[in-house]
């Protein structure tokens, strides 16, 4: 029987949401004195935005391995796809924008 959690769309959704949540947690844990837009502007000015965004993708490993260990292989593919999309976006930011 196929699990309702073993869907590519669920994995992709979690693969996009987890880095966003991680970025918000980093902001509130470390840089709460800044407003969020000034926090982003400071990261851009310091050329640190791509590095921080790269670090926010690391928790996707945990989500990926949880799906692998529970034999939800399609959801794991979705997380992998979202991570690849995030990597492409980070490369664009690093080499074209910042």
PDB file of N, CA and C in Angstrom:
ATOM      1  N   UNK A   1       0.832  -1.178   0.000  1.00  0.00           N
ATOM      2  CA  UNK A   1       0.000   0.000   0.000  1.00  0.00           C
ATOM      3  C   UNK A   1       0.879   1.246   0.000  1.00  0.00           C
ATOM      4  N   UNK A   2       0.556   2.172  -0.862  1.00  0.00           N
ATOM      5  CA  UNK A   2       1.334   3.395  -0.971  1.00  0.00           C
ATOM      6  C   UNK A   2       0.914   4.371   0.124  1.00  0.00           C
ATOM      7  N   UNK A   3       1.899   4.945   0.786  1.00  0.00           N
ATOM      8  CA  UNK A   3       1.628   5.900   1.852  1.00  0.00           C
ATOM      9  C   UNK A   3       1.193   7.241   1.273  1.00  0.00           C
ATOM     10  N   UNK A   4       0.335   7.936   1.997  1.00  0.00           N
ATOM     11  CA  UNK A   4      -0.109   9.247   1.524  1.00  0.00           C
ATOM     12  C   UNK A   4       0.996  10.289   1.650  1.00  0.00           C
ATOM     13  N   UNK A   5       2.049   9.970   2.400  1.00  0.00           N
ATOM     14  CA  UNK A   5       3.167  10.897   2.550  1.00  0.00           C
ATOM     15  C   UNK A   5       4.254  10.688   1.503  1.00  0.00           C
ATOM     16  N   UNK A   6       4.164   9.625   0.737  1.00  0.00           N
ATOM     17  CA  UNK A   6       5.189   9.320  -0.261  1.00  0.00           C
ATOM     18  C   UNK A   6       4.823   9.968  -1.593  1.00  0.00           C
ATOM     19  N   UNK A   7       4.890  11.306  -1.601  1.00  0.00           N
ATOM     20  CA  UNK A   7       4.562  12.060  -2.815  1.00  0.00           C
ATOM     21  C   UNK A   7       5.696  13.016  -3.126  1.00  0.00           C
ATOM     22  N   UNK A   8       5.975  13.166  -4.387  1.00  0.00           N
ATOM     23  CA  UNK A   8       7.014  14.084  -4.842  1.00  0.00           C
ATOM     24  C   UNK A   8       6.689  15.517  -4.428  1.00  0.00           C
ATOM     25  N   UNK A   9       5.427  15.885  -4.513  1.00  0.00           N
ATOM     26  CA  UNK A   9       5.028  17.261  -4.182  1.00  0.00           C
ATOM     27  C   UNK A   9       5.250  17.579  -2.705  1.00  0.00           C
ATOM     28  N   UNK A  10       5.005  16.622  -1.828  1.00  0.00           N
ATOM     29  CA  UNK A  10       5.238  16.841  -0.400  1.00  0.00           C
ATOM     30  C   UNK A  10       6.722  17.045  -0.128  1.00  0.00           C
ATOM     31  N   UNK A  11       7.556  16.220  -0.731  1.00  0.00           N
ATOM     32  CA  UNK A  11       8.997  16.361  -0.554  1.00  0.00           C
ATOM     33  C   UNK A  11       9.506  17.686  -1.085  1.00  0.00           C
ATOM     34  N   UNK A  12       9.006  18.094  -2.252  1.00  0.00           N
ATOM     35  CA  UNK A  12       9.429  19.373  -2.833  1.00  0.00           C
ATOM     36  C   UNK A  12       8.986  20.533  -1.949  1.00  0.00           C
ATOM     37  N   UNK A  13       7.751  20.474  -1.459  1.00  0.00           N
ATOM     38  CA  UNK A  13       7.235  21.516  -0.575  1.00  0.00           C
ATOM     39  C   UNK A  13       8.088  21.626   0.691  1.00  0.00           C
ATOM     40  N   UNK A  14       8.371  20.495   1.330  1.00  0.00           N
ATOM     41  CA  UNK A  14       9.201  20.528   2.540  1.00  0.00           C
ATOM     42  C   UNK A  14      10.623  20.972   2.229  1.00  0.00           C
ATOM     43  N   UNK A  15      11.130  20.585   1.063  1.00  0.00           N
ATOM     44  CA  UNK A  15      12.475  20.994   0.664  1.00  0.00           C
ATOM     45  C   UNK A  15      12.597  22.488   0.431  1.00  0.00           C
ATOM     46  N   UNK A  16      11.495  23.155   0.126  1.00  0.00           N
ATOM     47  CA  UNK A  16      11.487  24.615  -0.028  1.00  0.00           C
ATOM     48  C   UNK A  16      11.219  25.300   1.312  1.00  0.00           C
ATOM     49  N   UNK A  17      10.315  24.751   2.107  1.00  0.00           N
ATOM     50  CA  UNK A  17       9.908  25.382   3.363  1.00  0.00           C
ATOM     51  C   UNK A  17      10.989  25.288   4.440  1.00  0.00           C
ATOM     52  N   UNK A  18      11.680  24.165   4.543  1.00  0.00           N
ATOM     53  CA  UNK A  18      12.678  23.980   5.608  1.00  0.00           C
ATOM     54  C   UNK A  18      13.790  25.031   5.539  1.00  0.00           C
ATOM     55  N   UNK A  19      14.375  25.352   4.381  1.00  0.00           N
ATOM     56  CA  UNK A  19      15.379  26.428   4.361  1.00  0.00           C
ATOM     57  C   UNK A  19      14.812  27.799   4.729  1.00  0.00           C
ATOM     58  N   UNK A  20      13.560  28.062   4.352  1.00  0.00           N
ATOM     59  CA  UNK A  20      12.945  29.344   4.717  1.00  0.00           C
ATOM     60  C   UNK A  20      12.779  29.428   6.231  1.00  0.00           C
ATOM     61  N   UNK A  21      12.307  28.349   6.839  1.00  0.00           N
ATOM     62  CA  UNK A  21      12.165  28.318   8.294  1.00  0.00           C
ATOM     63  C   UNK A  21      13.527  28.454   8.960  1.00  0.00           C
ATOM     64  N   UNK A  22      14.539  27.803   8.411  1.00  0.00           N
ATOM     65  CA  UNK A  22      15.886  27.906   8.963  1.00  0.00           C
ATOM     66  C   UNK A  22      16.397  29.339   8.902  1.00  0.00           C
ATOM     67  N   UNK A  23      16.166  30.027   7.792  1.00  0.00           N
ATOM     68  CA  UNK A  23      16.580  31.427   7.670  1.00  0.00           C
ATOM     69  C   UNK A  23      15.875  32.290   8.711  1.00  0.00           C
ATOM     70  N   UNK A  24      14.600  32.061   8.926  1.00  0.00           N
ATOM     71  CA  UNK A  24      13.850  32.830   9.921  1.00  0.00           C
ATOM     72  C   UNK A  24      14.365  32.541  11.331  1.00  0.00           C
ATOM     73  N   UNK A  25      14.673  31.285  11.619  1.00  0.00           N
ATOM     74  CA  UNK A  25      15.214  30.931  12.934  1.00  0.00           C
ATOM     75  C   UNK A  25      16.572  31.590  13.148  1.00  0.00           C
ATOM     76  N   UNK A  26      17.429  31.581  12.140  1.00  0.00           N
ATOM     77  CA  UNK A  26      18.735  32.243  12.249  1.00  0.00           C
ATOM     78  C   UNK A  26      18.548  33.729  12.491  1.00  0.00           C
ATOM     79  N   UNK A  27      17.622  34.332  11.787  1.00  0.00           N
ATOM     80  CA  UNK A  27      17.363  35.764  11.961  1.00  0.00           C
ATOM     81  C   UNK A  27      16.926  36.065  13.394  1.00  0.00           C
ATOM     82  N   UNK A  28      15.954  35.324  13.912  1.00  0.00           N
ATOM     83  CA  UNK A  28      15.454  35.603  15.258  1.00  0.00           C
ATOM     84  C   UNK A  28      16.445  35.201  16.345  1.00  0.00           C
ATOM     85  N   UNK A  29      17.265  34.196  16.091  1.00  0.00           N
ATOM     86  CA  UNK A  29      18.212  33.743  17.105  1.00  0.00           C
ATOM     87  C   UNK A  29      19.436  34.645  17.210  1.00  0.00           C
ATOM     88  N   UNK A  30      19.817  35.262  16.104  1.00  0.00           N
ATOM     89  CA  UNK A  30      21.098  35.961  16.101  1.00  0.00           C
ATOM     90  C   UNK A  30      21.004  37.440  15.733  1.00  0.00           C
ATOM     91  N   UNK A  31      20.077  37.827  14.894  1.00  0.00           N
ATOM     92  CA  UNK A  31      20.066  39.176  14.325  1.00  0.00           C
ATOM     93  C   UNK A  31      18.742  39.900  14.563  1.00  0.00           C
ATOM     94  N   UNK A  32      18.144  39.670  15.694  1.00  0.00           N
ATOM     95  CA  UNK A  32      16.829  40.241  15.965  1.00  0.00           C
ATOM     96  C   UNK A  32      16.858  41.765  16.090  1.00  0.00           C
ATOM     97  N   UNK A  33      18.030  42.344  16.354  1.00  0.00           N
ATOM     98  CA  UNK A  33      18.118  43.800  16.496  1.00  0.00           C
ATOM     99  C   UNK A  33      17.888  44.516  15.165  1.00  0.00           C
ATOM    100  N   UNK A  34      18.131  43.840  14.059  1.00  0.00           N
ATOM    101  CA  UNK A  34      17.868  44.403  12.729  1.00  0.00           C
ATOM    102  C   UNK A  34      16.423  44.120  12.334  1.00  0.00           C
ATOM    103  N   UNK A  35      15.885  44.958  11.457  1.00  0.00           N
ATOM    104  CA  UNK A  35      14.640  44.564  10.805  1.00  0.00           C
ATOM    105  C   UNK A  35      15.018  43.544   9.733  1.00  0.00           C
ATOM    106  N   UNK A  36      14.057  42.747   9.308  1.00  0.00           N
ATOM    107  CA  UNK A  36      14.392  41.707   8.332  1.00  0.00           C
ATOM    108  C   UNK A  36      14.916  42.288   7.018  1.00  0.00           C
ATOM    109  N   UNK A  37      14.304  43.352   6.474  1.00  0.00           N
ATOM    110  CA  UNK A  37      14.870  43.926   5.238  1.00  0.00           C
ATOM    111  C   UNK A  37      16.283  44.486   5.426  1.00  0.00           C
ATOM    112  N   UNK A  38      16.554  45.104   6.572  1.00  0.00           N
ATOM    113  CA  UNK A  38      17.914  45.617   6.785  1.00  0.00           C
ATOM    114  C   UNK A  38      18.895  44.469   7.010  1.00  0.00           C
ATOM    115  N   UNK A  39      18.420  43.381   7.580  1.00  0.00           N
ATOM    116  CA  UNK A  39      19.243  42.179   7.728  1.00  0.00           C
ATOM    117  C   UNK A  39      19.662  41.659   6.351  1.00  0.00           C
ATOM    118  N   UNK A  40      18.721  41.577   5.423  1.00  0.00           N
ATOM    119  CA  UNK A  40      19.028  41.112   4.068  1.00  0.00           C
ATOM    120  C   UNK A  40      19.953  42.104   3.362  1.00  0.00           C
ATOM    121  N   UNK A  41      19.682  43.417   3.508  1.00  0.00           N
ATOM    122  CA  UNK A  41      20.552  44.424   2.885  1.00  0.00           C
ATOM    123  C   UNK A  41      21.974  44.344   3.424  1.00  0.00           C
ATOM    124  N   UNK A  42      22.118  44.103   4.723  1.00  0.00           N
ATOM    125  CA  UNK A  42      23.447  43.966   5.320  1.00  0.00           C
ATOM    126  C   UNK A  42      24.163  42.745   4.762  1.00  0.00           C
ATOM    127  N   UNK A  43      23.450  41.635   4.627  1.00  0.00           N
ATOM    128  CA  UNK A  43      24.054  40.432   4.050  1.00  0.00           C
ATOM    129  C   UNK A  43      24.493  40.673   2.608  1.00  0.00           C
ATOM    130  N   UNK A  44      23.685  41.400   1.858  1.00  0.00           N
ATOM    131  CA  UNK A  44      24.044  41.713   0.471  1.00  0.00           C
ATOM    132  C   UNK A  44      25.266  42.612   0.446  1.00  0.00           C
ATOM    133  N   UNK A  45      25.309  43.617   1.316  1.00  0.00           N
ATOM    134  CA  UNK A  45      26.445  44.540   1.350  1.00  0.00           C
ATOM    135  C   UNK A  45      27.735  43.831   1.739  1.00  0.00           C
ATOM    136  N   UNK A  46      27.634  42.848   2.611  1.00  0.00           N
ATOM    137  CA  UNK A  46      28.814  42.091   3.047  1.00  0.00           C
ATOM    138  C   UNK A  46      29.132  40.915   2.125  1.00  0.00           C
ATOM    139  N   UNK A  47      28.342  40.731   1.074  1.00  0.00           N
ATOM    140  CA  UNK A  47      28.486  39.593   0.146  1.00  0.00           C
ATOM    141  C   UNK A  47      28.377  38.261   0.888  1.00  0.00           C
ATOM    142  N   UNK A  48      27.528  38.225   1.900  1.00  0.00           N
ATOM    143  CA  UNK A  48      27.361  37.025   2.712  1.00  0.00           C
ATOM    144  C   UNK A  48      26.024  36.327   2.476  1.00  0.00           C
ATOM    145  N   UNK A  49      25.174  36.895   1.652  1.00  0.00           N
ATOM    146  CA  UNK A  49      23.856  36.297   1.420  1.00  0.00           C
ATOM    147  C   UNK A  49      23.941  34.895   0.815  1.00  0.00           C
ATOM    148  N   UNK A  50      24.746  34.677  -0.229  1.00  0.00           N
ATOM    149  CA  UNK A  50      24.813  33.311  -0.777  1.00  0.00           C
ATOM    150  C   UNK A  50      25.346  32.290   0.229  1.00  0.00           C
ATOM    151  N   UNK A  51      26.295  32.707   1.057  1.00  0.00           N
ATOM    152  CA  UNK A  51      26.842  31.781   2.054  1.00  0.00           C
ATOM    153  C   UNK A  51      25.782  31.397   3.081  1.00  0.00           C
ATOM    154  N   UNK A  52      25.034  32.376   3.558  1.00  0.00           N
ATOM    155  CA  UNK A  52      23.990  32.074   4.539  1.00  0.00           C
ATOM    156  C   UNK A  52      22.885  31.225   3.915  1.00  0.00           C
ATOM    157  N   UNK A  53      22.498  31.546   2.693  1.00  0.00           N
ATOM    158  CA  UNK A  53      21.471  30.741   2.028  1.00  0.00           C
ATOM    159  C   UNK A  53      21.948  29.307   1.813  1.00  0.00           C
ATOM    160  N   UNK A  54      23.230  29.136   1.535  1.00  0.00           N
ATOM    161  CA  UNK A  54      23.778  27.784   1.380  1.00  0.00           C
ATOM    162  C   UNK A  54      23.677  27.002   2.686  1.00  0.00           C
ATOM    163  N   UNK A  55      23.910  27.678   3.792  1.00  0.00           N
ATOM    164  CA  UNK A  55      23.829  27.000   5.085  1.00  0.00           C
ATOM    165  C   UNK A  55      22.389  26.656   5.471  1.00  0.00           C
ATOM    166  N   UNK A  56      21.435  27.439   4.991  1.00  0.00           N
ATOM    167  CA  UNK A  56      20.043  27.147   5.345  1.00  0.00           C
ATOM    168  C   UNK A  56      19.506  25.902   4.643  1.00  0.00           C
ATOM    169  N   UNK A  57      20.197  25.420   3.640  1.00  0.00           N
ATOM    170  CA  UNK A  57      19.749  24.220   2.916  1.00  0.00           C
ATOM    171  C   UNK A  57      20.193  22.940   3.633  1.00  0.00           C
ATOM    172  N   UNK A  58      21.146  23.049   4.545  1.00  0.00           N
ATOM    173  CA  UNK A  58      21.676  21.864   5.234  1.00  0.00           C
ATOM    174  C   UNK A  58      20.591  21.059   5.963  1.00  0.00           C
ATOM    175  N   UNK A  59      19.624  21.688   6.639  1.00  0.00           N
ATOM    176  CA  UNK A  59      18.581  20.870   7.290  1.00  0.00           C
ATOM    177  C   UNK A  59      17.768  19.999   6.330  1.00  0.00           C
ATOM    178  N   UNK A  60      17.841  20.274   5.041  1.00  0.00           N
ATOM    179  CA  UNK A  60      17.176  19.390   4.075  1.00  0.00           C
ATOM    180  C   UNK A  60      17.760  17.983   4.123  1.00  0.00           C
ATOM    181  N   UNK A  61      19.011  17.861   4.546  1.00  0.00           N
ATOM    182  CA  UNK A  61      19.606  16.528   4.699  1.00  0.00           C
ATOM    183  C   UNK A  61      18.809  15.687   5.683  1.00  0.00           C
ATOM    184  N   UNK A  62      18.434  16.296   6.797  1.00  0.00           N
ATOM    185  CA  UNK A  62      17.662  15.573   7.802  1.00  0.00           C
ATOM    186  C   UNK A  62      16.318  15.125   7.232  1.00  0.00           C
ATOM    187  N   UNK A  63      15.638  16.022   6.546  1.00  0.00           N
ATOM    188  CA  UNK A  63      14.344  15.680   5.941  1.00  0.00           C
ATOM    189  C   UNK A  63      14.532  14.574   4.903  1.00  0.00           C
ATOM    190  N   UNK A  64      15.569  14.701   4.078  1.00  0.00           N
ATOM    191  CA  UNK A  64      15.859  13.702   3.048  1.00  0.00           C
ATOM    192  C   UNK A  64      16.084  12.324   3.674  1.00  0.00           C
ATOM    193  N   UNK A  65      16.932  12.262   4.711  1.00  0.00           N
ATOM    194  CA  UNK A  65      17.233  10.969   5.319  1.00  0.00           C
ATOM    195  C   UNK A  65      16.038  10.395   6.078  1.00  0.00           C
ATOM    196  N   UNK A  66      15.216  11.241   6.663  1.00  0.00           N
ATOM    197  CA  UNK A  66      14.000  10.730   7.308  1.00  0.00           C
ATOM    198  C   UNK A  66      13.107  10.055   6.273  1.00  0.00           C
ATOM    199  N   UNK A  67      12.961  10.676   5.113  1.00  0.00           N
ATOM    200  CA  UNK A  67      12.156  10.055   4.059  1.00  0.00           C
ATOM    201  C   UNK A  67      12.805   8.763   3.553  1.00  0.00           C
ATOM    202  N   UNK A  68      14.113   8.730   3.435  1.00  0.00           N
ATOM    203  CA  UNK A  68      14.801   7.507   2.997  1.00  0.00           C
ATOM    204  C   UNK A  68      14.609   6.394   4.024  1.00  0.00           C
ATOM    205  N   UNK A  69      14.838   6.705   5.303  1.00  0.00           N
ATOM    206  CA  UNK A  69      14.734   5.694   6.358  1.00  0.00           C
ATOM    207  C   UNK A  69      13.321   5.147   6.501  1.00  0.00           C
ATOM    208  N   UNK A  70      12.323   5.974   6.205  1.00  0.00           N
ATOM    209  CA  UNK A  70      10.937   5.513   6.307  1.00  0.00           C
ATOM    210  C   UNK A  70      10.409   4.970   4.979  1.00  0.00           C
ATOM    211  N   UNK A  71      11.294   4.819   4.015  1.00  0.00           N
ATOM    212  CA  UNK A  71      10.984   4.237   2.707  1.00  0.00           C
ATOM    213  C   UNK A  71       9.965   5.065   1.923  1.00  0.00           C
ATOM    214  N   UNK A  72      10.041   6.384   2.056  1.00  0.00           N
ATOM    215  CA  UNK A  72       9.231   7.307   1.260  1.00  0.00           C
ATOM    216  C   UNK A  72      10.135   7.889   0.174  1.00  0.00           C
ATOM    217  N   UNK A  73      10.411   7.077  -0.824  1.00  0.00           N
ATOM    218  CA  UNK A  73      11.432   7.430  -1.807  1.00  0.00           C
ATOM    219  C   UNK A  73      11.003   8.555  -2.741  1.00  0.00           C
ATOM    220  N   UNK A  74       9.724   8.642  -3.065  1.00  0.00           N
ATOM    221  CA  UNK A  74       9.272   9.746  -3.924  1.00  0.00           C
ATOM    222  C   UNK A  74       9.373  11.083  -3.192  1.00  0.00           C
ATOM    223  N   UNK A  75       9.034  11.092  -1.917  1.00  0.00           N
ATOM    224  CA  UNK A  75       9.163  12.319  -1.133  1.00  0.00           C
ATOM    225  C   UNK A  75      10.637  12.711  -1.013  1.00  0.00           C
ATOM    226  N   UNK A  76      11.517  11.728  -0.869  1.00  0.00           N
ATOM    227  CA  UNK A  76      12.953  12.017  -0.815  1.00  0.00           C
ATOM    228  C   UNK A  76      13.425  12.624  -2.135  1.00  0.00           C
ATOM    229  N   UNK A  77      12.886  12.138  -3.247  1.00  0.00           N
ATOM    230  CA  UNK A  77      13.220  12.737  -4.547  1.00  0.00           C
ATOM    231  C   UNK A  77      12.767  14.192  -4.615  1.00  0.00           C
ATOM    232  N   UNK A  78      11.624  14.474  -4.039  1.00  0.00           N
ATOM    233  CA  UNK A  78      11.129  15.849  -4.016  1.00  0.00           C
ATOM    234  C   UNK A  78      12.046  16.769  -3.230  1.00  0.00           C
ATOM    235  N   UNK A  79      12.531  16.297  -2.084  1.00  0.00           N
ATOM    236  CA  UNK A  79      13.473  17.091  -1.284  1.00  0.00           C
ATOM    237  C   UNK A  79      14.753  17.315  -2.079  1.00  0.00           C
ATOM    238  N   UNK A  80      15.222  16.284  -2.751  1.00  0.00           N
ATOM    239  CA  UNK A  80      16.430  16.421  -3.563  1.00  0.00           C
ATOM    240  C   UNK A  80      16.214  17.422  -4.693  1.00  0.00           C
ATOM    241  N   UNK A  81      15.064  17.364  -5.336  1.00  0.00           N
ATOM    242  CA  UNK A  81      14.754  18.319  -6.400  1.00  0.00           C
ATOM    243  C   UNK A  81      14.700  19.745  -5.889  1.00  0.00           C
ATOM    244  N   UNK A  82      14.083  19.949  -4.733  1.00  0.00           N
ATOM    245  CA  UNK A  82      14.014  21.292  -4.148  1.00  0.00           C
ATOM    246  C   UNK A  82      15.401  21.794  -3.772  1.00  0.00           C
ATOM    247  N   UNK A  83      16.253  20.899  -3.299  1.00  0.00           N
ATOM    248  CA  UNK A  83      17.619  21.290  -2.943  1.00  0.00           C
ATOM    249  C   UNK A  83      18.405  21.694  -4.184  1.00  0.00           C
ATOM    250  N   UNK A  84      18.197  20.990  -5.281  1.00  0.00           N
ATOM    251  CA  UNK A  84      18.871  21.352  -6.531  1.00  0.00           C
ATOM    252  C   UNK A  84      18.372  22.705  -7.031  1.00  0.00           C
ATOM    253  N   UNK A  85      17.072  22.940  -6.948  1.00  0.00           N
ATOM    254  CA  UNK A  85      16.520  24.244  -7.342  1.00  0.00           C
ATOM    255  C   UNK A  85      17.102  25.348  -6.461  1.00  0.00           C
ATOM    256  N   UNK A  86      17.178  25.097  -5.154  1.00  0.00           N
ATOM    257  CA  UNK A  86      17.755  26.086  -4.235  1.00  0.00           C
ATOM    258  C   UNK A  86      19.219  26.349  -4.579  1.00  0.00           C
ATOM    259  N   UNK A  87      19.962  25.303  -4.917  1.00  0.00           N
ATOM    260  CA  UNK A  87      21.370  25.482  -5.284  1.00  0.00           C
ATOM    261  C   UNK A  87      21.504  26.339  -6.540  1.00  0.00           C
ATOM    262  N   UNK A  88      20.635  26.121  -7.514  1.00  0.00           N
ATOM    263  CA  UNK A  88      20.671  26.942  -8.730  1.00  0.00           C
ATOM    264  C   UNK A  88      20.343  28.399  -8.428  1.00  0.00           C
ATOM    265  N   UNK A  89      19.358  28.626  -7.571  1.00  0.00           N
ATOM    266  CA  UNK A  89      19.004  29.999  -7.193  1.00  0.00           C
ATOM    267  C   UNK A  89      20.154  30.666  -6.446  1.00  0.00           C
ATOM    268  N   UNK A  90      20.793  29.932  -5.551  1.00  0.00           N
ATOM    269  CA  UNK A  90      21.927  30.481  -4.798  1.00  0.00           C
ATOM    270  C   UNK A  90      23.080  30.807  -5.737  1.00  0.00           C
ATOM    271  N   UNK A  91      23.323  29.951  -6.734  1.00  0.00           N
ATOM    272  CA  UNK A  91      24.384  30.245  -7.705  1.00  0.00           C
ATOM    273  C   UNK A  91      24.054  31.492  -8.509  1.00  0.00           C
ATOM    274  N   UNK A  92      22.794  31.651  -8.902  1.00  0.00           N
ATOM    275  CA  UNK A  92      22.388  32.865  -9.614  1.00  0.00           C
ATOM    276  C   UNK A  92      22.604  34.104  -8.752  1.00  0.00           C
ATOM    277  N   UNK A  93      22.238  34.019  -7.492  1.00  0.00           N
ATOM    278  CA  UNK A  93      22.439  35.154  -6.589  1.00  0.00           C
ATOM    279  C   UNK A  93      23.922  35.456  -6.445  1.00  0.00           C
ATOM    280  N   UNK A  94      24.713  34.417  -6.298  1.00  0.00           N
ATOM    281  CA  UNK A  94      26.147  34.615  -6.076  1.00  0.00           C
ATOM    282  C   UNK A  94      26.839  35.232  -7.288  1.00  0.00           C
ATOM    283  N   UNK A  95      26.533  34.758  -8.467  1.00  0.00           N
ATOM    284  CA  UNK A  95      27.292  35.184  -9.638  1.00  0.00           C
ATOM    285  C   UNK A  95      26.626  36.276 -10.471  1.00  0.00           C
ATOM    286  N   UNK A  96      25.334  36.487 -10.310  1.00  0.00           N
ATOM    287  CA  UNK A  96      24.670  37.495 -11.129  1.00  0.00           C
ATOM    288  C   UNK A  96      24.194  38.710 -10.344  1.00  0.00           C
ATOM    289  N   UNK A  97      23.745  38.499  -9.136  1.00  0.00           N
ATOM    290  CA  UNK A  97      23.127  39.599  -8.403  1.00  0.00           C
ATOM    291  C   UNK A  97      24.093  40.249  -7.426  1.00  0.00           C
ATOM    292  N   UNK A  98      24.699  39.473  -6.570  1.00  0.00           N
ATOM    293  CA  UNK A  98      25.544  40.049  -5.512  1.00  0.00           C
ATOM    294  C   UNK A  98      26.927  40.332  -6.018  1.00  0.00           C
TER     295      UNK A  98
END
